[in-house]
Amino acid sequence: MKINELYDLNYTIAKDYLSKFEYPWQALAGIKDFIIELGKSLDKNEYKEIKKNVWVHESAKIFDSAYLGSPCIIGKNVEVRHCAFIRGSALVGDNSVVGNSVELKNVIIFNNVEVPHYNYVGDSILGYRSHMGAGSITSNVKSDRTLVVIHGESNIETNIKKVGAFLGDFVEVGCNSVLNPGTVIGKNTTVYPLSSVRGVIPANSIYKNGKIVNKR
């Protein structure tokens, strides 16, 4: 569940920022300030500040109906589709897709990530080439509003009320799945559609009907 186990940091411009932390949820509180400072340093020949603290790469395709809230950075060759709602504090990596009616809030999205259809991703980090199927969402607040605990081999108190999910590189999440608060999914793992996932799911595994098996 550590950052260096989940992610290859060479696939995000947040590399230096994320390298400061041991666990991914530790990075959530500072995403907003990080994006604002990073945006100021971007190459002005490639990135245009279309409004205060909103930077968009010249090659990105932004549909007219999409909303880009401050602060955010939209990377190279990103496609932000019809009615996408980027509330703010969102870093969207190169070659990624933010699809129809997708909502993003306080997230770091690595390069080549797809959240293409009706997804909610909040207070989360999505690793390189991860993919969330249509209708799959991150739930970032517990129903009783208590602080989120990461449930693994041992339980870790985050001392944070809003914690979504942390997808390692090459994770596949099936359609209409719910990733409950504090879910951590290891690299190369597949989650079957209609799953309700919580806790730590190991790398190189398959999650189906609440059971975890190793990939062959």
C-alpha atoms as a PDB file:
ATOM      1  CA  MET A   1       0.000   0.000   0.000  1.00  0.00           C
ATOM      2  CA  LYS A   2       3.048   2.276  -0.073  1.00  0.00           C
ATOM      3  CA  ILE A   3       3.517   4.766  -2.877  1.00  0.00           C
ATOM      4  CA  ASN A   4       6.648   3.049  -4.174  1.00  0.00           C
ATOM      5  CA  GLU A   5       4.765  -0.255  -4.356  1.00  0.00           C
ATOM      6  CA  LEU A   6       1.717   1.129  -6.145  1.00  0.00           C
ATOM      7  CA  TYR A   7       3.168   3.543  -8.661  1.00  0.00           C
ATOM      8  CA  ASP A   8       5.964   4.118 -11.139  1.00  0.00           C
ATOM      9  CA  LEU A   9       6.443   7.820 -10.476  1.00  0.00           C
ATOM     10  CA  ASN A  10       8.126   8.350 -13.834  1.00  0.00           C
ATOM     11  CA  TYR A  11       4.631   8.486 -15.340  1.00  0.00           C
ATOM     12  CA  THR A  12       3.431  11.650 -13.616  1.00  0.00           C
ATOM     13  CA  ILE A  13       4.592  15.242 -13.301  1.00  0.00           C
ATOM     14  CA  ALA A  14       3.691  14.856  -9.627  1.00  0.00           C
ATOM     15  CA  LYS A  15       6.763  12.649  -9.145  1.00  0.00           C
ATOM     16  CA  ASP A  16       8.661  15.019  -6.871  1.00  0.00           C
ATOM     17  CA  TYR A  17       5.570  15.771  -4.816  1.00  0.00           C
ATOM     18  CA  LEU A  18       4.524  12.151  -4.290  1.00  0.00           C
ATOM     19  CA  SER A  19       8.101  11.138  -3.481  1.00  0.00           C
ATOM     20  CA  LYS A  20       7.792  13.072  -0.218  1.00  0.00           C
ATOM     21  CA  PHE A  21       5.273  10.611   1.207  1.00  0.00           C
ATOM     22  CA  GLU A  22       5.256   6.983   2.269  1.00  0.00           C
ATOM     23  CA  TYR A  23       1.532   6.328   1.859  1.00  0.00           C
ATOM     24  CA  PRO A  24      -0.693   7.812  -0.868  1.00  0.00           C
ATOM     25  CA  TRP A  25      -3.376   9.237   1.431  1.00  0.00           C
ATOM     26  CA  GLN A  26      -0.722  11.440   3.024  1.00  0.00           C
ATOM     27  CA  ALA A  27      -0.559  13.368  -0.255  1.00  0.00           C
ATOM     28  CA  LEU A  28      -4.252  14.296  -0.368  1.00  0.00           C
ATOM     29  CA  ALA A  29      -4.181  17.353   1.881  1.00  0.00           C
ATOM     30  CA  GLY A  30      -1.589  19.184  -0.197  1.00  0.00           C
ATOM     31  CA  ILE A  31      -2.848  18.533  -3.734  1.00  0.00           C
ATOM     32  CA  LYS A  32      -4.441  21.960  -4.154  1.00  0.00           C
ATOM     33  CA  ASP A  33      -1.358  23.934  -3.168  1.00  0.00           C
ATOM     34  CA  PHE A  34       0.896  21.599  -5.145  1.00  0.00           C
ATOM     35  CA  ILE A  35      -1.089  22.127  -8.361  1.00  0.00           C
ATOM     36  CA  ILE A  36      -1.034  25.904  -7.959  1.00  0.00           C
ATOM     37  CA  GLU A  37       2.753  25.970  -7.532  1.00  0.00           C
ATOM     38  CA  LEU A  38       3.351  23.461 -10.326  1.00  0.00           C
ATOM     39  CA  GLY A  39       1.120  25.389 -12.697  1.00  0.00           C
ATOM     40  CA  LYS A  40       3.233  28.513 -12.297  1.00  0.00           C
ATOM     41  CA  SER A  41       6.303  26.591 -13.490  1.00  0.00           C
ATOM     42  CA  LEU A  42       4.753  25.027 -16.615  1.00  0.00           C
ATOM     43  CA  ASP A  43       6.112  25.915 -20.048  1.00  0.00           C
ATOM     44  CA  LYS A  44       3.991  28.837 -21.269  1.00  0.00           C
ATOM     45  CA  ASN A  45       4.673  27.777 -24.857  1.00  0.00           C
ATOM     46  CA  GLU A  46       2.792  24.531 -24.202  1.00  0.00           C
ATOM     47  CA  TYR A  47       0.311  25.315 -21.434  1.00  0.00           C
ATOM     48  CA  LYS A  48      -2.240  28.109 -21.514  1.00  0.00           C
ATOM     49  CA  GLU A  49      -3.720  29.470 -18.296  1.00  0.00           C
ATOM     50  CA  ILE A  50      -7.307  29.757 -19.531  1.00  0.00           C
ATOM     51  CA  LYS A  51      -8.458  31.237 -16.227  1.00  0.00           C
ATOM     52  CA  LYS A  52      -6.849  31.727 -12.838  1.00  0.00           C
ATOM     53  CA  ASN A  53      -4.960  28.560 -11.802  1.00  0.00           C
ATOM     54  CA  VAL A  54      -6.389  26.466 -14.653  1.00  0.00           C
ATOM     55  CA  TRP A  55      -3.693  25.303 -17.074  1.00  0.00           C
ATOM     56  CA  VAL A  56      -4.460  23.352 -20.257  1.00  0.00           C
ATOM     57  CA  HIS A  57      -1.924  21.873 -22.661  1.00  0.00           C
ATOM     58  CA  GLU A  58      -2.226  23.133 -26.219  1.00  0.00           C
ATOM     59  CA  SER A  59      -2.822  19.587 -27.506  1.00  0.00           C
ATOM     60  CA  ALA A  60      -5.675  18.785 -25.092  1.00  0.00           C
ATOM     61  CA  LYS A  61      -9.216  18.511 -26.412  1.00  0.00           C
ATOM     62  CA  ILE A  62     -11.786  20.103 -24.117  1.00  0.00           C
ATOM     63  CA  PHE A  63     -15.472  19.777 -25.059  1.00  0.00           C
ATOM     64  CA  ASP A  64     -17.440  23.021 -24.848  1.00  0.00           C
ATOM     65  CA  SER A  65     -19.786  21.603 -22.195  1.00  0.00           C
ATOM     66  CA  ALA A  66     -16.967  20.531 -19.835  1.00  0.00           C
ATOM     67  CA  TYR A  67     -16.277  22.520 -16.655  1.00  0.00           C
ATOM     68  CA  LEU A  68     -12.726  23.076 -15.452  1.00  0.00           C
ATOM     69  CA  GLY A  69     -12.583  24.326 -11.874  1.00  0.00           C
ATOM     70  CA  SER A  70      -9.594  25.911 -10.186  1.00  0.00           C
ATOM     71  CA  PRO A  71      -6.957  24.757  -9.635  1.00  0.00           C
ATOM     72  CA  CYS A  72      -6.313  22.104 -12.235  1.00  0.00           C
ATOM     73  CA  ILE A  73      -3.775  21.031 -14.818  1.00  0.00           C
ATOM     74  CA  ILE A  74      -4.841  19.238 -17.999  1.00  0.00           C
ATOM     75  CA  GLY A  75      -1.918  17.472 -19.634  1.00  0.00           C
ATOM     76  CA  LYS A  76      -0.746  16.691 -23.132  1.00  0.00           C
ATOM     77  CA  ASN A  77      -3.238  14.970 -25.469  1.00  0.00           C
ATOM     78  CA  VAL A  78      -5.883  14.725 -22.729  1.00  0.00           C
ATOM     79  CA  GLU A  79      -9.514  14.513 -23.804  1.00  0.00           C
ATOM     80  CA  VAL A  80     -12.125  16.044 -21.483  1.00  0.00           C
ATOM     81  CA  ARG A  81     -15.502  15.043 -22.869  1.00  0.00           C
ATOM     82  CA  HIS A  82     -19.106  16.215 -22.800  1.00  0.00           C
ATOM     83  CA  CYS A  83     -20.348  17.517 -19.426  1.00  0.00           C
ATOM     84  CA  ALA A  84     -17.263  16.470 -17.494  1.00  0.00           C
ATOM     85  CA  PHE A  85     -17.142  18.310 -14.148  1.00  0.00           C
ATOM     86  CA  ILE A  86     -13.644  18.950 -12.837  1.00  0.00           C
ATOM     87  CA  ARG A  87     -14.416  20.628  -9.531  1.00  0.00           C
ATOM     88  CA  GLY A  88     -10.834  21.564  -8.800  1.00  0.00           C
ATOM     89  CA  SER A  89      -7.577  20.346  -7.260  1.00  0.00           C
ATOM     90  CA  ALA A  90      -7.189  17.933 -10.168  1.00  0.00           C
ATOM     91  CA  LEU A  91      -4.038  16.988 -12.023  1.00  0.00           C
ATOM     92  CA  VAL A  92      -4.869  15.029 -15.189  1.00  0.00           C
ATOM     93  CA  GLY A  93      -1.835  13.346 -16.719  1.00  0.00           C
ATOM     94  CA  ASP A  94      -0.853  13.115 -20.376  1.00  0.00           C
ATOM     95  CA  ASN A  95      -2.901  10.979 -22.786  1.00  0.00           C
ATOM     96  CA  SER A  96      -5.720  10.487 -20.299  1.00  0.00           C
ATOM     97  CA  VAL A  97      -9.487  10.497 -20.888  1.00  0.00           C
ATOM     98  CA  VAL A  98     -12.009  12.244 -18.635  1.00  0.00           C
ATOM     99  CA  GLY A  99     -15.312  11.136 -20.078  1.00  0.00           C
ATOM    100  CA  ASN A 100     -18.957  11.971 -20.320  1.00  0.00           C
ATOM    101  CA  SER A 101     -20.391  13.305 -17.032  1.00  0.00           C
ATOM    102  CA  VAL A 102     -17.295  12.321 -15.056  1.00  0.00           C
ATOM    103  CA  GLU A 103     -16.644  14.292 -11.868  1.00  0.00           C
ATOM    104  CA  LEU A 104     -13.150  14.819 -10.448  1.00  0.00           C
ATOM    105  CA  LYS A 105     -12.213  16.422  -7.139  1.00  0.00           C
ATOM    106  CA  ASN A 106      -8.865  16.517  -5.311  1.00  0.00           C
ATOM    107  CA  VAL A 107      -7.149  13.897  -7.446  1.00  0.00           C
ATOM    108  CA  ILE A 108      -3.864  13.024  -9.064  1.00  0.00           C
ATOM    109  CA  ILE A 109      -4.350  11.092 -12.276  1.00  0.00           C
ATOM    110  CA  PHE A 110      -1.229   9.600 -13.801  1.00  0.00           C
ATOM    111  CA  ASN A 111      -0.539   9.461 -17.545  1.00  0.00           C
ATOM    112  CA  ASN A 112      -2.640   7.239 -19.813  1.00  0.00           C
ATOM    113  CA  VAL A 113      -5.528   6.822 -17.369  1.00  0.00           C
ATOM    114  CA  GLU A 114      -9.132   6.346 -18.500  1.00  0.00           C
ATOM    115  CA  VAL A 115     -12.162   7.460 -16.512  1.00  0.00           C
ATOM    116  CA  PRO A 116     -14.400   7.548 -19.570  1.00  0.00           C
ATOM    117  CA  HIS A 117     -18.062   7.156 -18.540  1.00  0.00           C
ATOM    118  CA  TYR A 118     -20.090   8.416 -15.561  1.00  0.00           C
ATOM    119  CA  ASN A 119     -17.343   8.069 -12.959  1.00  0.00           C
ATOM    120  CA  TYR A 120     -16.905   9.953  -9.702  1.00  0.00           C
ATOM    121  CA  VAL A 121     -13.298  10.165  -8.514  1.00  0.00           C
ATOM    122  CA  GLY A 122     -12.673  12.157  -5.358  1.00  0.00           C
ATOM    123  CA  ASP A 123      -9.736  12.363  -2.938  1.00  0.00           C
ATOM    124  CA  SER A 124      -7.989   9.636  -4.888  1.00  0.00           C
ATOM    125  CA  ILE A 125      -4.857   8.798  -6.879  1.00  0.00           C
ATOM    126  CA  LEU A 126      -5.072   6.716 -10.071  1.00  0.00           C
ATOM    127  CA  GLY A 127      -1.882   5.067 -11.324  1.00  0.00           C
ATOM    128  CA  TYR A 128      -0.453   4.731 -14.819  1.00  0.00           C
ATOM    129  CA  ARG A 129      -2.770   3.056 -17.348  1.00  0.00           C
ATOM    130  CA  SER A 130      -5.430   2.388 -14.749  1.00  0.00           C
ATOM    131  CA  HIS A 131      -9.000   2.243 -16.035  1.00  0.00           C
ATOM    132  CA  MET A 132     -12.367   2.683 -14.354  1.00  0.00           C
ATOM    133  CA  GLY A 133     -15.271   1.049 -16.184  1.00  0.00           C
ATOM    134  CA  ALA A 134     -18.537   2.851 -16.844  1.00  0.00           C
ATOM    135  CA  GLY A 135     -20.362   3.879 -13.673  1.00  0.00           C
ATOM    136  CA  SER A 136     -17.594   2.826 -11.281  1.00  0.00           C
ATOM    137  CA  ILE A 137     -16.965   5.348  -8.510  1.00  0.00           C
ATOM    138  CA  THR A 138     -14.809   6.132  -5.528  1.00  0.00           C
ATOM    139  CA  SER A 139     -16.738   6.656  -2.307  1.00  0.00           C
ATOM    140  CA  ASN A 140     -14.731   9.091  -0.227  1.00  0.00           C
ATOM    141  CA  VAL A 141     -16.807   9.607   2.947  1.00  0.00           C
ATOM    142  CA  LYS A 142     -18.014   6.928   5.372  1.00  0.00           C
ATOM    143  CA  SER A 143     -21.738   6.762   6.044  1.00  0.00           C
ATOM    144  CA  ASP A 144     -21.174   7.609   9.718  1.00  0.00           C
ATOM    145  CA  ARG A 145     -18.797  10.486   8.809  1.00  0.00           C
ATOM    146  CA  THR A 146     -16.011   9.099  11.002  1.00  0.00           C
ATOM    147  CA  LEU A 147     -12.347   9.237  10.003  1.00  0.00           C
ATOM    148  CA  VAL A 148     -11.235   6.734   7.386  1.00  0.00           C
ATOM    149  CA  VAL A 149      -9.182   3.682   8.366  1.00  0.00           C
ATOM    150  CA  ILE A 150      -7.167   1.664   5.846  1.00  0.00           C
ATOM    151  CA  HIS A 151      -7.960  -2.010   6.463  1.00  0.00           C
ATOM    152  CA  GLY A 152      -5.072  -4.290   5.512  1.00  0.00           C
ATOM    153  CA  GLU A 153      -2.931  -6.813   7.377  1.00  0.00           C
ATOM    154  CA  SER A 154      -2.959  -4.130  10.043  1.00  0.00           C
ATOM    155  CA  ASN A 155      -5.310  -1.153  10.283  1.00  0.00           C
ATOM    156  CA  ILE A 156      -3.891   2.307   9.659  1.00  0.00           C
ATOM    157  CA  GLU A 157      -5.621   5.442  10.907  1.00  0.00           C
ATOM    158  CA  THR A 158      -5.543   8.160   8.270  1.00  0.00           C
ATOM    159  CA  ASN A 159      -7.004  10.839  10.570  1.00  0.00           C
ATOM    160  CA  ILE A 160      -8.802  12.148   7.470  1.00  0.00           C
ATOM    161  CA  LYS A 161     -12.549  12.330   6.904  1.00  0.00           C
ATOM    162  CA  LYS A 162     -12.427  12.246   3.095  1.00  0.00           C
ATOM    163  CA  VAL A 163     -10.354   9.476   1.527  1.00  0.00           C
ATOM    164  CA  GLY A 164     -11.255   7.834  -1.759  1.00  0.00           C
ATOM    165  CA  ALA A 165      -9.294   5.087  -3.511  1.00  0.00           C
ATOM    166  CA  PHE A 166      -5.719   4.490  -4.606  1.00  0.00           C
ATOM    167  CA  LEU A 167      -5.333   2.489  -7.801  1.00  0.00           C
ATOM    168  CA  GLY A 168      -1.918   1.133  -8.648  1.00  0.00           C
ATOM    169  CA  ASP A 169      -0.540   1.043 -12.167  1.00  0.00           C
ATOM    170  CA  PHE A 170      -2.481  -1.068 -14.697  1.00  0.00           C
ATOM    171  CA  VAL A 171      -5.510  -1.579 -12.429  1.00  0.00           C
ATOM    172  CA  GLU A 172      -8.812  -2.434 -14.138  1.00  0.00           C
ATOM    173  CA  VAL A 173     -12.063  -1.630 -12.318  1.00  0.00           C
ATOM    174  CA  GLY A 174     -15.221  -3.194 -13.732  1.00  0.00           C
ATOM    175  CA  CYS A 175     -18.411  -1.321 -14.559  1.00  0.00           C
ATOM    176  CA  ASN A 176     -20.667  -0.085 -11.732  1.00  0.00           C
ATOM    177  CA  SER A 177     -18.224  -1.011  -8.994  1.00  0.00           C
ATOM    178  CA  VAL A 178     -17.925   0.989  -5.779  1.00  0.00           C
ATOM    179  CA  LEU A 179     -14.531   1.540  -4.212  1.00  0.00           C
ATOM    180  CA  ASN A 180     -15.321   2.277  -0.573  1.00  0.00           C
ATOM    181  CA  PRO A 181     -13.414   4.893   1.463  1.00  0.00           C
ATOM    182  CA  GLY A 182      -9.757   3.985   1.891  1.00  0.00           C
ATOM    183  CA  THR A 183      -9.612   1.271  -0.765  1.00  0.00           C
ATOM    184  CA  VAL A 184      -6.105   0.466  -2.015  1.00  0.00           C
ATOM    185  CA  ILE A 185      -5.704  -1.721  -5.117  1.00  0.00           C
ATOM    186  CA  GLY A 186      -2.275  -3.070  -6.002  1.00  0.00           C
ATOM    187  CA  LYS A 187      -0.638  -3.040  -9.436  1.00  0.00           C
ATOM    188  CA  ASN A 188      -2.010  -5.182 -12.277  1.00  0.00           C
ATOM    189  CA  THR A 189      -5.158  -6.137 -10.370  1.00  0.00           C
ATOM    190  CA  THR A 190      -8.598  -6.605 -11.941  1.00  0.00           C
ATOM    191  CA  VAL A 191     -11.872  -5.848 -10.152  1.00  0.00           C
ATOM    192  CA  TYR A 192     -14.945  -7.544 -11.602  1.00  0.00           C
ATOM    193  CA  PRO A 193     -18.032  -5.473 -12.477  1.00  0.00           C
ATOM    194  CA  LEU A 194     -20.637  -4.762  -9.759  1.00  0.00           C
ATOM    195  CA  SER A 195     -18.070  -5.171  -6.986  1.00  0.00           C
ATOM    196  CA  SER A 196     -18.140  -3.408  -3.633  1.00  0.00           C
ATOM    197  CA  VAL A 197     -14.496  -3.159  -2.672  1.00  0.00           C
ATOM    198  CA  ARG A 198     -12.902  -2.125   0.621  1.00  0.00           C
ATOM    199  CA  GLY A 199      -9.525  -2.485   2.257  1.00  0.00           C
ATOM    200  CA  VAL A 200      -6.268  -3.448   0.588  1.00  0.00           C
ATOM    201  CA  ILE A 201      -6.389  -5.664  -2.509  1.00  0.00           C
ATOM    202  CA  PRO A 202      -3.002  -7.222  -3.370  1.00  0.00           C
ATOM    203  CA  ALA A 203      -1.137  -6.658  -6.612  1.00  0.00           C
ATOM    204  CA  ASN A 204      -1.495  -9.146  -9.476  1.00  0.00           C
ATOM    205  CA  SER A 205      -4.851 -10.436  -8.284  1.00  0.00           C
ATOM    206  CA  ILE A 206      -8.510 -10.699  -9.297  1.00  0.00           C
ATOM    207  CA  TYR A 207     -11.340  -9.463  -7.084  1.00  0.00           C
ATOM    208  CA  LYS A 208     -14.637 -11.234  -7.816  1.00  0.00           C
ATOM    209  CA  ASN A 209     -17.728 -11.659  -5.636  1.00  0.00           C
ATOM    210  CA  GLY A 210     -15.803 -10.557  -2.551  1.00  0.00           C
ATOM    211  CA  LYS A 211     -13.061 -13.139  -3.120  1.00  0.00           C
ATOM    212  CA  ILE A 212      -9.454 -12.508  -4.078  1.00  0.00           C
ATOM    213  CA  VAL A 213      -7.419 -14.898  -6.214  1.00  0.00           C
ATOM    214  CA  ASN A 214      -3.948 -14.586  -7.706  1.00  0.00           C
ATOM    215  CA  LYS A 215      -3.638 -13.966 -11.433  1.00  0.00           C
ATOM    216  CA  ARG A 216      -2.064 -16.842 -13.313  1.00  0.00           C
END
